[in-house]
Amino acid sequence: MAAQDVLGQTARLASSSALLQVLFRVVTFALNAFTLRYLSRELIGVVNVRLTLLYSTVVFLAREAFRRACLSGSTKRNWTKTINLLWLPVPLGVFWSVFLGLVWLHLLEVPDPSVVPHYQAGVVAFGLSAVIELLGEPCWVLAQAHLFVRLKVIAESLSVVSKCILTVTLVILYPQWGLYIFALAQLLYATVLVMCYVTYFVMFLGSPEATKKSFPVARVKALLPNFVEDETFVNWKEARLTWSFFKQSFLKQILTEGERYVMTFLNVLNFGDQGVYDIVNNLGSLVARFIFLPIEESFYVFFAKVLERGKAVKDQKQDDVAMAANVLELLLKLVLLIGLTITVFGYAYSQLALDIYGGSMLSSGTGPDLLRCYSLYVLFLAVNGVTECFTSALMSKEEVDRYNFVMLALSFIFLCISYFLTHWHGSIGFILANCFNMGIRIAHSIHYIYDYFKGSTFRPLTGLLPSPLLVLVYIISGAITGFSEVFFCCDQGWMARLLHVGVGALCFAATLVTMLCTETKLIHFVRSQ
């Protein structure tokens, strides 16, 4: 597949994934607002922090390394060996579910049964749902490698909608069920997700469409583990790369979910405060999750397909290098501007957003300051997502192994800083520690990108330099909206709030017009791709 075709399909995959993440986050956003009125914040804290952490840890440790290794390189490979490798996450998932389930049940603080009933059933159900989801891993990687955009959108949309319908129904009818509600909903989500992928491939394999596309897997049976006579069971190059990524993914999980681990294992916040933190975290990460994560996942595939892992720039096809450098520069510019916009306008509108969303329970206390800090953190997330997706796609096995040592040191420093900052500044300390963590990771990735391109004429890191005029407009907009918040928000009635929103809308429009005039190359890229 030509590099230009890969770029087009990758851009469509990123766009579809972004729309999908919009659905996920909007649904979660609405679900939290709804459940706040029926359930205690302690119950929400246990579900959204404690149990979701169990689920995400199991699936991340069991499959992330396999996904990254098996999506690297061309789709022209021995898919039998790749599929064999992709079944290993299932026994790994069983191991992690049992091991971590025992930790969650016997070593961590158990919630008060009168406030959060059926905790044990919740732990078992979330661990089981992780294993169920891992059963669809061969199908997921095949679909992602061949850029089956609609399949991912439909499968994940159906699973999320099914989960939410069941959750809302049970919350209204049986609120006394407690964690049973979320346990059943999580099991339904995993089952629907896997069944969508399996059903699609059962219908697709052997069809005229599959034959026309020369799809490398011909029969449904080929999706199961297969022994090939006189050949190894797996591709050992992929297996070794998987092991390198596994060591990295273990550390990356600690860094990604570090604050939840500190909350869970060190009890620095009670379950109610954890619930508030998670609600603010979900609200703050709306844009970060539905834009930055799909870009990172999709363009990781693009960079891995267009450039060869472990090869220097001079040894690559120069047309492909030029395209990759141009795409990297424009992606950096895109996410930087999105991040700056959220940081600037998020500061002045955090209190209003929380007041509308959850009332005084969220808009009083540390809630607004939490969301303001998160607006800054979004800027770090934006840049790190793109720089790290490029380095992960290009680093050789040896470079990945060296990076693992950096991540190990960073993990230890991050956990220590999280603990001390939380004692010093409460839940805001988690976000400050995350900013530090992301800053170090960005510095490492920028150093790698600079070294990678320094022997060529390409300078993709210029994407991190917005035009001076646009920077000036951001500064003026931040000052104006900050004064607007002081005078109009948020205890002077709805008319004052509307005036505050109007001021923000005018400043945002001015910023957008400036962006359209100064960043013409980026605008053309977004429109064309």
Protein backbone atom coordinates (compact mmCIF):
# COMPACT_ATOMS: atom_id res chain seq x y z
CA MET A 1 0.00 0.00 0.00
CA ALA A 2 1.42 3.40 -1.02
CA ALA A 3 2.32 5.86 1.70
CA GLN A 4 -0.29 8.35 0.48
CA ASP A 5 -3.02 5.66 0.69
CA VAL A 6 -1.89 4.72 4.18
CA LEU A 7 -2.06 8.39 5.20
CA GLY A 8 -5.59 8.77 3.83
CA GLN A 9 -6.88 5.63 5.54
CA THR A 10 -5.07 6.49 8.77
CA ALA A 11 -6.62 9.96 8.81
CA ARG A 12 -10.07 8.42 8.31
CA LEU A 13 -9.34 5.93 11.11
CA ALA A 14 -8.27 8.77 13.41
CA SER A 15 -11.37 10.79 12.54
CA SER A 16 -13.70 7.84 13.13
CA SER A 17 -11.92 6.95 16.34
CA ALA A 18 -12.23 10.55 17.48
CA LEU A 19 -15.97 10.49 16.84
CA LEU A 20 -16.13 7.21 18.73
CA GLN A 21 -14.30 8.72 21.68
CA VAL A 22 -16.75 11.63 21.58
CA LEU A 23 -19.55 9.09 22.03
CA PHE A 24 -17.72 7.31 24.87
CA ARG A 25 -16.92 10.46 26.78
CA VAL A 26 -20.26 12.16 26.24
CA VAL A 27 -22.03 9.00 27.40
CA THR A 28 -19.75 8.72 30.45
CA PHE A 29 -20.24 12.43 31.08
CA ALA A 30 -24.03 12.07 30.98
CA LEU A 31 -23.97 8.83 32.96
CA ASN A 32 -21.97 10.41 35.79
CA ALA A 33 -24.36 13.38 35.91
CA PHE A 34 -27.28 10.96 36.04
CA THR A 35 -25.87 8.57 38.64
CA LEU A 36 -24.84 11.48 40.90
CA ARG A 37 -28.56 12.02 41.49
CA TYR A 38 -29.29 8.38 42.38
CA LEU A 39 -26.12 6.91 43.93
CA SER A 40 -23.59 8.00 46.52
CA ARG A 41 -20.29 9.53 45.46
CA GLU A 42 -18.57 6.77 47.49
CA LEU A 43 -20.10 4.13 45.19
CA ILE A 44 -19.06 6.12 42.13
CA GLY A 45 -15.55 6.42 43.55
CA VAL A 46 -15.23 2.65 44.05
CA VAL A 47 -16.51 1.90 40.52
CA ASN A 48 -14.67 4.60 38.61
CA VAL A 49 -11.38 4.38 40.51
CA ARG A 50 -10.96 1.05 42.29
CA LEU A 51 -12.75 -1.39 39.95
CA THR A 52 -11.98 0.40 36.69
CA LEU A 53 -8.32 0.39 37.71
CA LEU A 54 -8.46 -3.39 38.15
CA TYR A 55 -10.00 -3.82 34.69
CA SER A 56 -7.65 -1.40 32.91
CA THR A 57 -4.56 -2.89 34.59
CA VAL A 58 -5.46 -6.43 33.51
CA VAL A 59 -6.20 -5.58 29.87
CA PHE A 60 -3.22 -3.23 29.56
CA LEU A 61 -0.67 -5.65 30.98
CA ALA A 62 -2.11 -8.56 29.02
CA ARG A 63 -2.46 -7.02 25.56
CA GLU A 64 -0.75 -3.64 25.07
CA ALA A 65 2.68 -5.07 24.25
CA PHE A 66 1.19 -7.61 21.81
CA ARG A 67 -0.77 -4.90 20.02
CA ARG A 68 2.26 -2.66 19.54
CA ALA A 69 4.51 -5.48 18.36
CA CYS A 70 1.98 -7.06 15.99
CA LEU A 71 0.95 -3.74 14.42
CA SER A 72 4.56 -2.86 13.56
CA GLY A 73 5.72 -3.34 9.98
CA SER A 74 3.88 -4.45 6.88
CA THR A 75 0.64 -6.44 6.73
CA LYS A 76 2.49 -8.91 4.47
CA ARG A 77 3.67 -11.44 7.03
CA ASN A 78 2.99 -14.94 8.31
CA TRP A 79 -0.35 -14.18 9.94
CA THR A 80 -0.65 -17.70 11.34
CA LYS A 81 2.30 -17.05 13.65
CA THR A 82 1.05 -13.56 14.49
CA ILE A 83 -2.39 -14.90 15.42
CA ASN A 84 -0.76 -17.61 17.56
CA LEU A 85 1.09 -14.86 19.41
CA LEU A 86 -2.12 -12.86 19.82
CA TRP A 87 -3.79 -15.68 21.75
CA LEU A 88 -1.19 -15.43 24.53
CA PRO A 89 -2.93 -12.39 26.10
CA VAL A 90 -5.78 -14.70 27.16
CA PRO A 91 -3.80 -16.86 29.63
CA LEU A 92 -1.90 -13.73 30.65
CA GLY A 93 -5.21 -12.03 31.34
CA VAL A 94 -6.41 -14.97 33.44
CA PHE A 95 -3.21 -14.81 35.50
CA TRP A 96 -3.43 -11.05 36.06
CA SER A 97 -7.17 -11.22 36.83
CA VAL A 98 -6.69 -13.88 39.50
CA PHE A 99 -3.57 -12.33 40.99
CA LEU A 100 -4.84 -8.74 41.07
CA GLY A 101 -8.33 -9.87 42.08
CA LEU A 102 -6.87 -11.46 45.22
CA VAL A 103 -4.95 -8.24 45.93
CA TRP A 104 -8.11 -6.14 45.49
CA LEU A 105 -10.10 -8.48 47.77
CA HIS A 106 -7.64 -9.21 50.56
CA LEU A 107 -4.90 -6.57 50.67
CA LEU A 108 -6.77 -3.33 49.92
CA GLU A 109 -9.23 -1.52 52.15
CA VAL A 110 -12.73 -2.97 51.68
CA PRO A 111 -15.52 -0.36 51.42
CA ASP A 112 -18.25 -0.24 54.08
CA PRO A 113 -20.94 -2.72 52.87
CA SER A 114 -23.71 -0.39 54.05
CA VAL A 115 -22.42 2.37 51.74
CA VAL A 116 -20.96 0.26 48.88
CA PRO A 117 -22.64 -3.17 48.83
CA HIS A 118 -21.47 -6.26 46.89
CA TYR A 119 -17.81 -5.22 46.54
CA GLN A 120 -16.57 -8.82 46.14
CA ALA A 121 -18.95 -9.49 43.24
CA GLY A 122 -17.77 -6.30 41.56
CA VAL A 123 -14.11 -7.36 41.73
CA VAL A 124 -14.88 -10.78 40.22
CA ALA A 125 -17.05 -9.31 37.44
CA PHE A 126 -14.55 -6.65 36.37
CA GLY A 127 -11.72 -9.19 36.30
CA LEU A 128 -13.84 -11.62 34.27
CA SER A 129 -14.87 -8.89 31.80
CA ALA A 130 -11.19 -8.19 31.11
CA VAL A 131 -10.59 -11.84 30.20
CA ILE A 132 -13.68 -11.90 27.96
CA GLU A 133 -12.47 -8.82 26.09
CA LEU A 134 -9.05 -10.41 25.49
CA LEU A 135 -10.73 -13.25 23.57
CA GLY A 136 -11.29 -10.83 20.69
CA GLU A 137 -7.67 -9.70 20.44
CA PRO A 138 -6.73 -11.55 17.17
CA CYS A 139 -9.77 -10.03 15.45
CA TRP A 140 -9.03 -6.55 16.81
CA VAL A 141 -5.42 -6.55 15.57
CA LEU A 142 -6.44 -7.90 12.14
CA ALA A 143 -9.05 -5.16 11.82
CA GLN A 144 -6.67 -2.43 12.99
CA ALA A 145 -3.79 -3.59 10.76
CA HIS A 146 -6.05 -3.58 7.70
CA LEU A 147 -7.73 -0.29 8.70
CA PHE A 148 -11.28 -1.62 9.06
CA VAL A 149 -12.64 1.72 10.26
CA ARG A 150 -16.37 1.00 10.30
CA LEU A 151 -15.97 -2.26 12.22
CA LYS A 152 -14.24 -0.54 15.14
CA VAL A 153 -16.78 2.28 15.21
CA ILE A 154 -19.81 -0.04 15.13
CA ALA A 155 -18.43 -2.60 17.61
CA GLU A 156 -17.37 -0.12 20.26
CA SER A 157 -20.45 2.05 19.80
CA LEU A 158 -22.81 -0.90 20.27
CA SER A 159 -20.93 -2.12 23.35
CA VAL A 160 -20.92 1.33 25.00
CA VAL A 161 -24.60 1.98 24.22
CA SER A 162 -25.58 -1.47 25.54
CA LYS A 163 -23.62 -0.90 28.74
CA CYS A 164 -25.21 2.50 29.31
CA ILE A 165 -28.78 1.36 28.64
CA LEU A 166 -28.40 -1.48 31.16
CA THR A 167 -26.74 0.82 33.74
CA VAL A 168 -29.47 3.47 33.52
CA THR A 169 -32.25 0.88 33.64
CA LEU A 170 -30.85 -0.85 36.73
CA VAL A 171 -30.01 2.43 38.50
CA ILE A 172 -33.63 3.58 38.12
CA LEU A 173 -35.27 0.24 38.97
CA TYR A 174 -32.86 -1.30 41.49
CA PRO A 175 -30.53 1.36 43.00
CA GLN A 176 -30.12 -0.85 46.08
CA TRP A 177 -28.20 -3.40 43.98
CA GLY A 178 -25.07 -1.24 44.32
CA LEU A 179 -22.08 -2.72 42.53
CA TYR A 180 -24.20 -5.48 40.93
CA ILE A 181 -25.42 -2.80 38.51
CA PHE A 182 -21.96 -1.88 37.26
CA ALA A 183 -20.72 -5.49 37.33
CA LEU A 184 -23.49 -6.66 34.99
CA ALA A 185 -23.03 -3.63 32.73
CA GLN A 186 -19.27 -4.23 32.44
CA LEU A 187 -19.80 -7.90 31.55
CA LEU A 188 -22.32 -6.91 28.90
CA TYR A 189 -19.89 -4.37 27.43
CA ALA A 190 -17.08 -6.92 27.03
CA THR A 191 -19.40 -9.59 25.60
CA VAL A 192 -21.01 -7.31 23.01
CA LEU A 193 -17.60 -5.96 21.94
CA VAL A 194 -16.11 -9.40 21.33
CA MET A 195 -19.24 -10.75 19.63
CA CYS A 196 -19.26 -7.83 17.16
CA TYR A 197 -15.70 -8.57 16.03
CA VAL A 198 -16.22 -12.33 15.90
CA THR A 199 -19.52 -12.02 14.01
CA TYR A 200 -17.96 -9.68 11.44
CA PHE A 201 -15.03 -11.99 10.69
CA VAL A 202 -17.27 -15.08 10.54
CA MET A 203 -19.26 -13.32 7.81
CA PHE A 204 -16.27 -11.66 6.10
CA LEU A 205 -13.77 -14.52 5.82
CA GLY A 206 -14.31 -16.58 2.68
CA SER A 207 -16.62 -13.94 1.17
CA PRO A 208 -16.07 -12.48 -2.33
CA GLU A 209 -15.04 -9.18 -0.70
CA ALA A 210 -12.26 -10.91 1.28
CA THR A 211 -11.07 -12.70 -1.86
CA LYS A 212 -11.08 -9.44 -3.82
CA LYS A 213 -8.97 -7.75 -1.13
CA SER A 214 -6.59 -10.76 -0.97
CA PHE A 215 -7.17 -10.88 2.77
CA PRO A 216 -4.35 -12.96 4.36
CA VAL A 217 -6.71 -15.06 6.51
CA ALA A 218 -9.03 -17.30 4.50
CA ARG A 219 -11.00 -19.31 7.08
CA VAL A 220 -12.52 -18.73 10.50
CA LYS A 221 -10.48 -21.66 11.81
CA ALA A 222 -7.33 -19.68 10.97
CA LEU A 223 -8.29 -17.20 13.72
CA LEU A 224 -7.61 -19.95 16.29
CA PRO A 225 -4.11 -21.11 17.37
CA ASN A 226 -2.58 -23.35 14.68
CA PHE A 227 0.55 -25.48 14.72
CA VAL A 228 2.49 -25.49 11.44
CA GLU A 229 4.68 -28.52 10.84
CA ASP A 230 8.44 -27.85 10.82
CA GLU A 231 7.90 -24.21 11.79
CA THR A 232 8.02 -22.32 15.05
CA PHE A 233 4.69 -21.62 16.80
CA VAL A 234 5.25 -17.84 16.79
CA ASN A 235 7.40 -15.31 14.98
CA TRP A 236 10.29 -14.94 17.41
CA LYS A 237 11.17 -11.48 16.18
CA GLU A 238 7.64 -10.33 17.08
CA ALA A 239 7.84 -12.25 20.36
CA ARG A 240 11.09 -10.55 21.39
CA LEU A 241 9.68 -7.15 20.43
CA THR A 242 6.58 -7.98 22.47
CA TRP A 243 8.73 -8.72 25.51
CA SER A 244 10.47 -5.35 25.13
CA PHE A 245 7.13 -3.57 24.84
CA PHE A 246 5.76 -5.56 27.79
CA LYS A 247 8.48 -4.23 30.07
CA GLN A 248 7.73 -0.75 28.76
CA SER A 249 3.94 -1.16 29.02
CA PHE A 250 4.22 -2.23 32.66
CA LEU A 251 5.94 1.06 33.44
CA LYS A 252 3.69 3.07 31.13
CA GLN A 253 0.63 1.76 32.96
CA ILE A 254 2.05 2.97 36.28
CA LEU A 255 2.70 6.39 34.76
CA THR A 256 -0.68 6.57 33.01
CA GLU A 257 -2.76 5.46 36.00
CA GLY A 258 -0.30 6.52 38.68
CA GLU A 259 -2.69 8.69 40.66
CA ARG A 260 -5.26 5.86 40.81
CA TYR A 261 -2.62 3.47 42.14
CA VAL A 262 -1.60 5.99 44.79
CA MET A 263 -5.27 6.51 45.73
CA THR A 264 -5.94 2.77 45.78
CA PHE A 265 -2.87 1.51 47.61
CA LEU A 266 -1.92 4.43 49.88
CA ASN A 267 -5.43 5.63 50.87
CA VAL A 268 -4.51 9.30 50.52
CA LEU A 269 -8.17 10.13 49.66
CA ASN A 270 -11.37 8.58 50.96
CA PHE A 271 -13.81 6.94 48.51
CA GLY A 272 -16.00 10.06 48.36
CA ASP A 273 -13.08 12.34 47.44
CA GLN A 274 -11.95 9.74 44.91
CA GLY A 275 -15.40 9.95 43.35
CA VAL A 276 -15.21 13.75 43.02
CA TYR A 277 -11.66 13.56 41.63
CA ASP A 278 -12.72 10.98 39.05
CA ILE A 279 -15.74 13.04 37.95
CA VAL A 280 -13.55 16.12 37.48
CA ASN A 281 -10.94 13.95 35.74
CA ASN A 282 -13.56 12.63 33.30
CA LEU A 283 -14.81 16.14 32.60
CA GLY A 284 -11.29 17.47 32.12
CA SER A 285 -10.25 14.64 29.83
CA LEU A 286 -13.22 14.86 27.45
CA VAL A 287 -11.29 16.54 24.64
CA ALA A 288 -7.98 14.88 25.53
CA ARG A 289 -9.46 11.41 25.20
CA PHE A 290 -11.65 11.81 22.17
CA ILE A 291 -9.08 13.71 20.07
CA PHE A 292 -5.56 12.93 21.27
CA LEU A 293 -5.92 9.20 21.92
CA PRO A 294 -7.39 8.35 18.46
CA ILE A 295 -4.66 10.44 16.81
CA GLU A 296 -1.98 8.60 18.78
CA GLU A 297 -3.40 5.13 18.04
CA SER A 298 -4.07 5.76 14.35
CA PHE A 299 -0.89 7.61 13.44
CA TYR A 300 1.20 5.03 15.29
CA VAL A 301 -0.04 2.65 12.58
CA PHE A 302 0.82 5.24 9.89
CA PHE A 303 4.40 5.84 11.08
CA ALA A 304 4.97 2.09 11.63
CA LYS A 305 3.85 1.32 8.07
CA VAL A 306 5.57 4.19 6.24
CA LEU A 307 8.96 4.03 8.01
CA GLU A 308 10.97 0.95 8.99
CA ARG A 309 11.69 0.42 12.67
CA GLY A 310 15.32 0.76 13.72
CA LYS A 311 16.58 2.22 10.41
CA ALA A 312 18.27 5.62 10.12
CA VAL A 313 16.74 8.36 7.97
CA LYS A 314 19.33 7.98 5.21
CA ASP A 315 18.47 4.27 4.84
CA GLN A 316 14.73 4.90 4.37
CA LYS A 317 12.86 5.84 1.18
CA GLN A 318 13.25 9.62 1.07
CA ASP A 319 9.72 10.23 -0.26
CA ASP A 320 8.32 8.32 2.72
CA VAL A 321 10.62 10.20 5.12
CA ALA A 322 9.45 13.52 3.67
CA MET A 323 5.79 12.55 4.09
CA ALA A 324 6.33 11.26 7.65
CA ALA A 325 8.22 14.43 8.65
CA ASN A 326 5.53 16.65 7.17
CA VAL A 327 2.74 14.71 8.89
CA LEU A 328 4.60 14.76 12.22
CA GLU A 329 5.13 18.54 11.98
CA LEU A 330 1.46 19.19 11.21
CA LEU A 331 0.22 16.78 13.89
CA LEU A 332 2.39 18.52 16.48
CA LYS A 333 0.99 21.89 15.41
CA LEU A 334 -2.57 20.56 15.50
CA VAL A 335 -2.43 19.07 18.99
CA LEU A 336 -0.43 22.02 20.33
CA LEU A 337 -3.11 24.50 19.23
CA ILE A 338 -5.90 22.32 20.62
CA GLY A 339 -4.03 22.02 23.91
CA LEU A 340 -3.33 25.76 24.14
CA THR A 341 -6.97 26.56 23.45
CA ILE A 342 -8.14 24.23 26.24
CA THR A 343 -5.53 25.59 28.67
CA VAL A 344 -6.36 29.24 28.02
CA PHE A 345 -10.16 28.97 28.03
CA GLY A 346 -10.37 26.14 30.55
CA TYR A 347 -8.94 28.33 33.30
CA ALA A 348 -11.76 30.87 33.23
CA TYR A 349 -14.64 28.46 32.66
CA SER A 350 -13.84 25.57 35.03
CA GLN A 351 -16.05 26.76 37.89
CA LEU A 352 -19.00 27.45 35.58
CA ALA A 353 -18.70 24.04 33.91
CA LEU A 354 -18.67 22.21 37.26
CA ASP A 355 -21.57 24.27 38.63
CA ILE A 356 -23.74 23.42 35.62
CA TYR A 357 -22.69 19.77 35.65
CA GLY A 358 -22.87 18.79 39.31
CA GLY A 359 -24.05 21.79 41.29
CA SER A 360 -22.35 23.02 44.45
CA MET A 361 -21.03 19.54 45.28
CA LEU A 362 -18.48 19.96 42.46
CA SER A 363 -18.20 23.74 42.03
CA SER A 364 -17.31 24.38 45.67
CA GLY A 365 -14.15 23.21 47.38
CA THR A 366 -11.23 21.98 45.28
CA GLY A 367 -13.29 21.09 42.19
CA PRO A 368 -12.65 24.28 40.14
CA ASP A 369 -8.92 24.33 40.95
CA LEU A 370 -8.73 20.66 39.99
CA LEU A 371 -10.25 21.37 36.58
CA ARG A 372 -8.04 24.44 36.03
CA CYS A 373 -4.93 22.36 36.67
CA TYR A 374 -6.29 19.68 34.40
CA SER A 375 -6.65 22.24 31.61
CA LEU A 376 -2.87 22.78 31.83
CA TYR A 377 -2.28 19.02 31.96
CA VAL A 378 -4.22 18.63 28.69
CA LEU A 379 -1.51 20.67 26.94
CA PHE A 380 1.14 18.20 28.14
CA LEU A 381 -1.05 15.26 27.10
CA ALA A 382 -1.48 16.76 23.63
CA VAL A 383 2.21 17.02 22.83
CA ASN A 384 3.21 13.77 24.53
CA GLY A 385 0.67 11.70 22.59
CA VAL A 386 2.09 12.58 19.17
CA THR A 387 5.80 12.63 20.09
CA GLU A 388 5.56 9.30 21.91
CA CYS A 389 3.56 7.61 19.14
CA PHE A 390 6.33 8.53 16.65
CA THR A 391 9.16 7.30 18.88
CA SER A 392 7.31 4.07 19.74
CA ALA A 393 6.80 3.33 16.05
CA LEU A 394 10.45 3.95 15.12
CA MET A 395 12.60 2.81 18.06
CA SER A 396 14.57 -0.40 17.59
CA LYS A 397 14.35 -3.22 20.12
CA GLU A 398 17.58 -2.02 21.77
CA GLU A 399 16.28 1.55 21.99
CA VAL A 400 13.00 0.31 23.48
CA ASP A 401 14.97 -1.63 26.10
CA ARG A 402 17.03 1.45 26.99
CA TYR A 403 13.89 3.54 27.22
CA ASN A 404 12.48 0.99 29.67
CA PHE A 405 15.20 1.94 32.16
CA VAL A 406 14.25 5.61 31.76
CA MET A 407 10.61 4.72 32.37
CA LEU A 408 11.55 2.68 35.45
CA ALA A 409 13.32 5.63 37.05
CA LEU A 410 10.51 7.95 36.01
CA SER A 411 7.89 5.63 37.50
CA PHE A 412 9.58 5.65 40.89
CA ILE A 413 10.04 9.45 40.85
CA PHE A 414 6.44 9.98 39.74
CA LEU A 415 4.96 7.83 42.50
CA CYS A 416 7.07 9.59 45.14
CA ILE A 417 6.14 13.04 43.84
CA SER A 418 2.45 12.04 43.67
CA TYR A 419 2.50 10.90 47.28
CA PHE A 420 4.19 14.04 48.63
CA LEU A 421 2.26 16.52 46.45
CA THR A 422 -1.02 14.90 47.49
CA HIS A 423 -0.16 15.33 51.17
CA TRP A 424 0.82 18.93 50.44
CA HIS A 425 -2.00 19.99 48.11
CA GLY A 426 -4.65 17.23 48.18
CA SER A 427 -5.99 15.82 44.92
CA ILE A 428 -4.49 18.74 42.94
CA GLY A 429 -1.11 17.18 43.71
CA PHE A 430 -1.97 14.26 41.43
CA ILE A 431 -2.39 16.55 38.43
CA LEU A 432 0.80 18.49 39.18
CA ALA A 433 2.70 15.20 39.39
CA ASN A 434 1.21 14.11 36.07
CA CYS A 435 2.38 17.37 34.46
CA PHE A 436 5.91 16.65 35.68
CA ASN A 437 5.70 13.07 34.40
CA MET A 438 4.48 14.14 30.95
CA GLY A 439 7.10 16.88 30.74
CA ILE A 440 9.94 14.37 31.21
CA ARG A 441 8.43 11.99 28.64
CA ILE A 442 8.00 14.83 26.13
CA ALA A 443 11.64 15.87 26.63
CA HIS A 444 12.82 12.32 25.91
CA SER A 445 10.69 12.00 22.77
CA ILE A 446 11.75 15.42 21.45
CA HIS A 447 15.39 14.46 21.96
CA TYR A 448 14.81 11.23 19.99
CA ILE A 449 13.02 13.04 17.14
CA TYR A 450 15.76 15.69 16.95
CA ASP A 451 18.47 13.03 16.75
CA TYR A 452 16.49 11.01 14.20
CA PHE A 453 16.11 13.91 11.73
CA LYS A 454 19.33 15.87 12.40
CA GLY A 455 21.13 14.19 9.48
CA SER A 456 18.41 15.30 7.06
CA THR A 457 16.85 18.53 5.85
CA PHE A 458 13.57 17.85 7.67
CA ARG A 459 12.68 19.70 10.88
CA PRO A 460 9.29 18.41 12.09
CA LEU A 461 9.80 19.88 15.59
CA THR A 462 9.02 23.33 14.16
CA GLY A 463 5.41 22.19 14.58
CA LEU A 464 5.82 23.09 18.26
CA LEU A 465 6.27 26.79 17.38
CA PRO A 466 2.95 28.59 16.82
CA SER A 467 2.95 32.00 15.14
CA PRO A 468 3.77 34.97 17.45
CA LEU A 469 0.50 36.69 16.53
CA LEU A 470 -1.51 33.64 17.61
CA VAL A 471 0.41 33.46 20.90
CA LEU A 472 -0.42 37.13 21.53
CA VAL A 473 -4.12 36.49 20.87
CA TYR A 474 -4.05 33.56 23.33
CA ILE A 475 -2.51 35.79 26.02
CA ILE A 476 -5.08 38.56 25.48
CA SER A 477 -7.97 36.03 25.45
CA GLY A 478 -6.74 34.48 28.70
CA ALA A 479 -6.57 37.89 30.41
CA ILE A 480 -10.01 39.01 29.20
CA THR A 481 -11.79 35.76 30.16
CA GLY A 482 -9.99 35.76 33.53
CA PHE A 483 -11.36 39.24 34.35
CA SER A 484 -14.76 38.16 33.03
CA GLU A 485 -14.84 35.26 35.52
CA VAL A 486 -14.06 37.60 38.41
CA PHE A 487 -16.87 40.02 37.52
CA PHE A 488 -19.59 37.70 36.15
CA CYS A 489 -19.13 34.19 37.55
CA CYS A 490 -20.62 32.33 39.24
CA ASP A 491 -22.90 33.61 42.04
CA GLN A 492 -24.55 36.58 40.33
CA GLY A 493 -27.35 34.84 38.48
CA TRP A 494 -27.82 33.36 35.02
CA MET A 495 -27.64 36.68 33.17
CA ALA A 496 -24.10 37.27 34.47
CA ARG A 497 -23.19 33.71 33.52
CA LEU A 498 -24.48 34.26 29.99
CA LEU A 499 -22.39 37.43 29.73
CA HIS A 500 -19.34 35.43 30.84
CA VAL A 501 -20.07 32.80 28.18
CA GLY A 502 -20.54 35.56 25.57
CA VAL A 503 -17.14 37.08 26.40
CA GLY A 504 -15.54 33.66 26.02
CA ALA A 505 -17.30 33.06 22.69
CA LEU A 506 -15.99 36.35 21.28
CA CYS A 507 -12.43 35.61 22.42
CA PHE A 508 -12.63 32.09 21.02
CA ALA A 509 -13.88 33.43 17.67
CA ALA A 510 -10.97 35.89 17.54
CA THR A 511 -8.54 33.06 18.31
CA LEU A 512 -10.07 30.86 15.61
CA VAL A 513 -9.91 33.60 12.96
CA THR A 514 -6.26 34.26 13.83
CA MET A 515 -5.56 30.55 13.56
CA LEU A 516 -7.17 30.36 10.11
CA CYS A 517 -5.08 33.29 8.89
CA THR A 518 -1.69 32.28 10.34
CA GLU A 519 -1.70 28.46 10.13
CA THR A 520 -2.71 27.96 6.48
CA LYS A 521 -0.59 24.85 5.97
CA LEU A 522 -2.23 23.13 8.93
CA ILE A 523 -5.73 24.14 7.82
CA HIS A 524 -5.07 22.64 4.36
CA PHE A 525 -3.87 19.38 5.97
CA VAL A 526 -6.95 19.10 8.19
CA ARG A 527 -9.32 19.82 5.30
CA SER A 528 -7.62 17.44 2.86
CA GLN A 529 -7.12 14.52 5.25
